[in-house]
Amino acid sequence: MPPSGYSTEQARFAVSFLRSCAEALEAEYQSDCKEPLVALQTEITQIQQELAGGSIDGPARGVLQWTLGFYESLANLRPGNHEAFQHCVGEVLEETTRQILAIHIVSSSAG
């Protein structure tokens, strides 16, 4: 991360990753004839169990935690159907972009 924070391009790449997660989940719940919220809740539970197991660490753990936060944000919007799911994904990704671009770490000078 540059000292001034993340760039628009970096935020775009991050959001693209999350969008791909949503698309994969969407394909899965449609093939299993599940409601989006049920699929989200299932994924959330599975990720929580994986994280609790402690077998994943380092950057991979962070990726799982990030994916979990994304799915929790989607689930909190309670999408009831395919169209609502897509709308919620758009909302969460817009907010995620804003949050990433708002990150600015102020370095403290050693004195």
C-alpha atoms as a PDB file:
ATOM      1  CA  MET A   1       0.000   0.000   0.000  1.00  0.00           C
ATOM      2  CA  PRO A   2       1.406   3.383  -0.884  1.00  0.00           C
ATOM      3  CA  PRO A   3       1.695   5.858   2.003  1.00  0.00           C
ATOM      4  CA  SER A   4      -1.187   7.897   0.614  1.00  0.00           C
ATOM      5  CA  GLY A   5      -3.599   4.934   0.653  1.00  0.00           C
ATOM      6  CA  TYR A   6      -4.983   2.657  -2.022  1.00  0.00           C
ATOM      7  CA  SER A   7      -5.522   3.776  -5.602  1.00  0.00           C
ATOM      8  CA  THR A   8      -8.734   3.550  -7.584  1.00  0.00           C
ATOM      9  CA  GLU A   9      -7.156   0.777  -9.652  1.00  0.00           C
ATOM     10  CA  GLN A  10      -6.286  -1.217  -6.526  1.00  0.00           C
ATOM     11  CA  ALA A  11      -9.835  -0.788  -5.214  1.00  0.00           C
ATOM     12  CA  ARG A  12     -11.178  -1.927  -8.577  1.00  0.00           C
ATOM     13  CA  PHE A  13      -9.096  -5.128  -8.416  1.00  0.00           C
ATOM     14  CA  ALA A  14     -10.244  -5.831  -4.861  1.00  0.00           C
ATOM     15  CA  VAL A  15     -13.886  -5.323  -5.761  1.00  0.00           C
ATOM     16  CA  SER A  16     -13.444  -7.502  -8.840  1.00  0.00           C
ATOM     17  CA  PHE A  17     -12.324 -10.359  -6.590  1.00  0.00           C
ATOM     18  CA  LEU A  18     -15.399  -9.966  -4.383  1.00  0.00           C
ATOM     19  CA  ARG A  19     -17.654  -9.739  -7.436  1.00  0.00           C
ATOM     20  CA  SER A  20     -16.225 -13.061  -8.659  1.00  0.00           C
ATOM     21  CA  CYS A  21     -17.045 -14.600  -5.265  1.00  0.00           C
ATOM     22  CA  ALA A  22     -20.630 -13.353  -5.577  1.00  0.00           C
ATOM     23  CA  GLU A  23     -20.904 -14.716  -9.125  1.00  0.00           C
ATOM     24  CA  ALA A  24     -19.634 -18.134  -8.044  1.00  0.00           C
ATOM     25  CA  LEU A  25     -22.062 -18.194  -5.114  1.00  0.00           C
ATOM     26  CA  GLU A  26     -24.890 -17.120  -7.397  1.00  0.00           C
ATOM     27  CA  ALA A  27     -24.150 -19.936  -9.869  1.00  0.00           C
ATOM     28  CA  GLU A  28     -24.010 -22.405  -6.992  1.00  0.00           C
ATOM     29  CA  TYR A  29     -27.306 -21.392  -5.378  1.00  0.00           C
ATOM     30  CA  GLN A  30     -29.078 -21.349  -8.718  1.00  0.00           C
ATOM     31  CA  SER A  31     -27.845 -24.846  -9.619  1.00  0.00           C
ATOM     32  CA  ASP A  32     -28.884 -26.103  -6.157  1.00  0.00           C
ATOM     33  CA  CYS A  33     -32.266 -24.311  -6.388  1.00  0.00           C
ATOM     34  CA  LYS A  34     -31.582 -22.443  -3.127  1.00  0.00           C
ATOM     35  CA  GLU A  35     -32.634 -18.975  -2.108  1.00  0.00           C
ATOM     36  CA  PRO A  36     -29.753 -16.472  -2.047  1.00  0.00           C
ATOM     37  CA  LEU A  37     -30.031 -15.828   1.685  1.00  0.00           C
ATOM     38  CA  VAL A  38     -29.903 -19.557   2.465  1.00  0.00           C
ATOM     39  CA  ALA A  39     -26.806 -19.919   0.274  1.00  0.00           C
ATOM     40  CA  LEU A  40     -25.164 -16.946   1.992  1.00  0.00           C
ATOM     41  CA  GLN A  41     -25.909 -18.327   5.439  1.00  0.00           C
ATOM     42  CA  THR A  42     -24.467 -21.708   4.421  1.00  0.00           C
ATOM     43  CA  GLU A  43     -21.276 -20.109   3.099  1.00  0.00           C
ATOM     44  CA  ILE A  44     -20.933 -17.932   6.194  1.00  0.00           C
ATOM     45  CA  THR A  45     -21.222 -20.976   8.462  1.00  0.00           C
ATOM     46  CA  GLN A  46     -18.697 -22.949   6.416  1.00  0.00           C
ATOM     47  CA  ILE A  47     -16.173 -20.109   6.420  1.00  0.00           C
ATOM     48  CA  GLN A  48     -16.620 -19.554  10.163  1.00  0.00           C
ATOM     49  CA  GLN A  49     -15.994 -23.248  10.795  1.00  0.00           C
ATOM     50  CA  GLU A  50     -12.890 -23.206   8.614  1.00  0.00           C
ATOM     51  CA  LEU A  51     -11.533 -20.151  10.425  1.00  0.00           C
ATOM     52  CA  ALA A  52     -12.301 -21.667  13.826  1.00  0.00           C
ATOM     53  CA  GLY A  53     -10.415 -24.813  12.850  1.00  0.00           C
ATOM     54  CA  GLY A  54      -7.220 -22.814  12.633  1.00  0.00           C
ATOM     55  CA  SER A  55      -5.805 -24.777   9.709  1.00  0.00           C
ATOM     56  CA  ILE A  56      -5.559 -21.690   7.505  1.00  0.00           C
ATOM     57  CA  ASP A  57      -3.179 -18.878   8.363  1.00  0.00           C
ATOM     58  CA  GLY A  58      -1.245 -16.050   6.820  1.00  0.00           C
ATOM     59  CA  PRO A  59      -2.668 -14.150   3.864  1.00  0.00           C
ATOM     60  CA  ALA A  60      -5.102 -16.968   3.048  1.00  0.00           C
ATOM     61  CA  ARG A  61      -6.751 -16.458   6.449  1.00  0.00           C
ATOM     62  CA  GLY A  62      -7.149 -12.774   5.655  1.00  0.00           C
ATOM     63  CA  VAL A  63      -8.771 -13.609   2.328  1.00  0.00           C
ATOM     64  CA  LEU A  64     -11.263 -15.888   4.071  1.00  0.00           C
ATOM     65  CA  GLN A  65     -12.010 -13.222   6.682  1.00  0.00           C
ATOM     66  CA  TRP A  66     -12.523 -10.655   3.935  1.00  0.00           C
ATOM     67  CA  THR A  67     -14.842 -12.985   2.024  1.00  0.00           C
ATOM     68  CA  LEU A  68     -16.737 -13.683   5.247  1.00  0.00           C
ATOM     69  CA  GLY A  69     -17.214  -9.956   5.858  1.00  0.00           C
ATOM     70  CA  PHE A  70     -18.479  -9.504   2.299  1.00  0.00           C
ATOM     71  CA  TYR A  71     -20.982 -12.354   2.637  1.00  0.00           C
ATOM     72  CA  GLU A  72     -22.125 -11.077   6.045  1.00  0.00           C
ATOM     73  CA  SER A  73     -22.736  -7.626   4.559  1.00  0.00           C
ATOM     74  CA  LEU A  74     -24.788  -9.216   1.780  1.00  0.00           C
ATOM     75  CA  ALA A  75     -26.739 -11.394   4.218  1.00  0.00           C
ATOM     76  CA  ASN A  76     -27.532  -8.364   6.393  1.00  0.00           C
ATOM     77  CA  LEU A  77     -29.392  -6.899   3.394  1.00  0.00           C
ATOM     78  CA  ARG A  78     -31.495 -10.107   3.264  1.00  0.00           C
ATOM     79  CA  PRO A  79     -31.750 -10.673  -0.498  1.00  0.00           C
ATOM     80  CA  GLY A  80     -34.850 -12.773  -1.136  1.00  0.00           C
ATOM     81  CA  ASN A  81     -34.452 -13.485  -4.824  1.00  0.00           C
ATOM     82  CA  HIS A  82     -32.013 -13.328  -7.726  1.00  0.00           C
ATOM     83  CA  GLU A  83     -32.692  -9.679  -8.575  1.00  0.00           C
ATOM     84  CA  ALA A  84     -32.403  -8.599  -4.957  1.00  0.00           C
ATOM     85  CA  PHE A  85     -29.140 -10.525  -4.634  1.00  0.00           C
ATOM     86  CA  GLN A  86     -27.652  -8.721  -7.629  1.00  0.00           C
ATOM     87  CA  HIS A  87     -28.822  -5.360  -6.286  1.00  0.00           C
ATOM     88  CA  CYS A  88     -27.311  -6.094  -2.864  1.00  0.00           C
ATOM     89  CA  VAL A  89     -24.010  -7.147  -4.446  1.00  0.00           C
ATOM     90  CA  GLY A  90     -23.871  -3.804  -6.254  1.00  0.00           C
ATOM     91  CA  GLU A  91     -24.605  -1.874  -3.058  1.00  0.00           C
ATOM     92  CA  VAL A  92     -22.018  -3.732  -0.989  1.00  0.00           C
ATOM     93  CA  LEU A  93     -19.356  -3.425  -3.683  1.00  0.00           C
ATOM     94  CA  GLU A  94     -19.941   0.328  -4.004  1.00  0.00           C
ATOM     95  CA  GLU A  95     -19.567   0.713  -0.250  1.00  0.00           C
ATOM     96  CA  THR A  96     -16.480  -1.498  -0.266  1.00  0.00           C
ATOM     97  CA  THR A  97     -14.895   0.701  -2.918  1.00  0.00           C
ATOM     98  CA  ARG A  98     -15.597   3.803  -0.831  1.00  0.00           C
ATOM     99  CA  GLN A  99     -14.147   2.172   2.273  1.00  0.00           C
ATOM    100  CA  ILE A 100     -10.985   1.015   0.495  1.00  0.00           C
ATOM    101  CA  LEU A 101     -10.371   4.467  -0.974  1.00  0.00           C
ATOM    102  CA  ALA A 102     -10.929   6.028   2.468  1.00  0.00           C
ATOM    103  CA  ILE A 103      -8.056   4.045   3.997  1.00  0.00           C
ATOM    104  CA  HIS A 104      -5.168   6.371   4.812  1.00  0.00           C
ATOM    105  CA  ILE A 105      -2.593   5.255   7.301  1.00  0.00           C
ATOM    106  CA  VAL A 106      -0.789   8.129   8.909  1.00  0.00           C
ATOM    107  CA  SER A 107       2.782   7.288   9.628  1.00  0.00           C
ATOM    108  CA  SER A 108       4.166   8.447  12.911  1.00  0.00           C
ATOM    109  CA  SER A 109       7.662   9.768  12.860  1.00  0.00           C
ATOM    110  CA  ALA A 110      10.080   8.328  15.345  1.00  0.00           C
ATOM    111  CA  GLY A 111      11.419  11.029  17.486  1.00  0.00           C
END
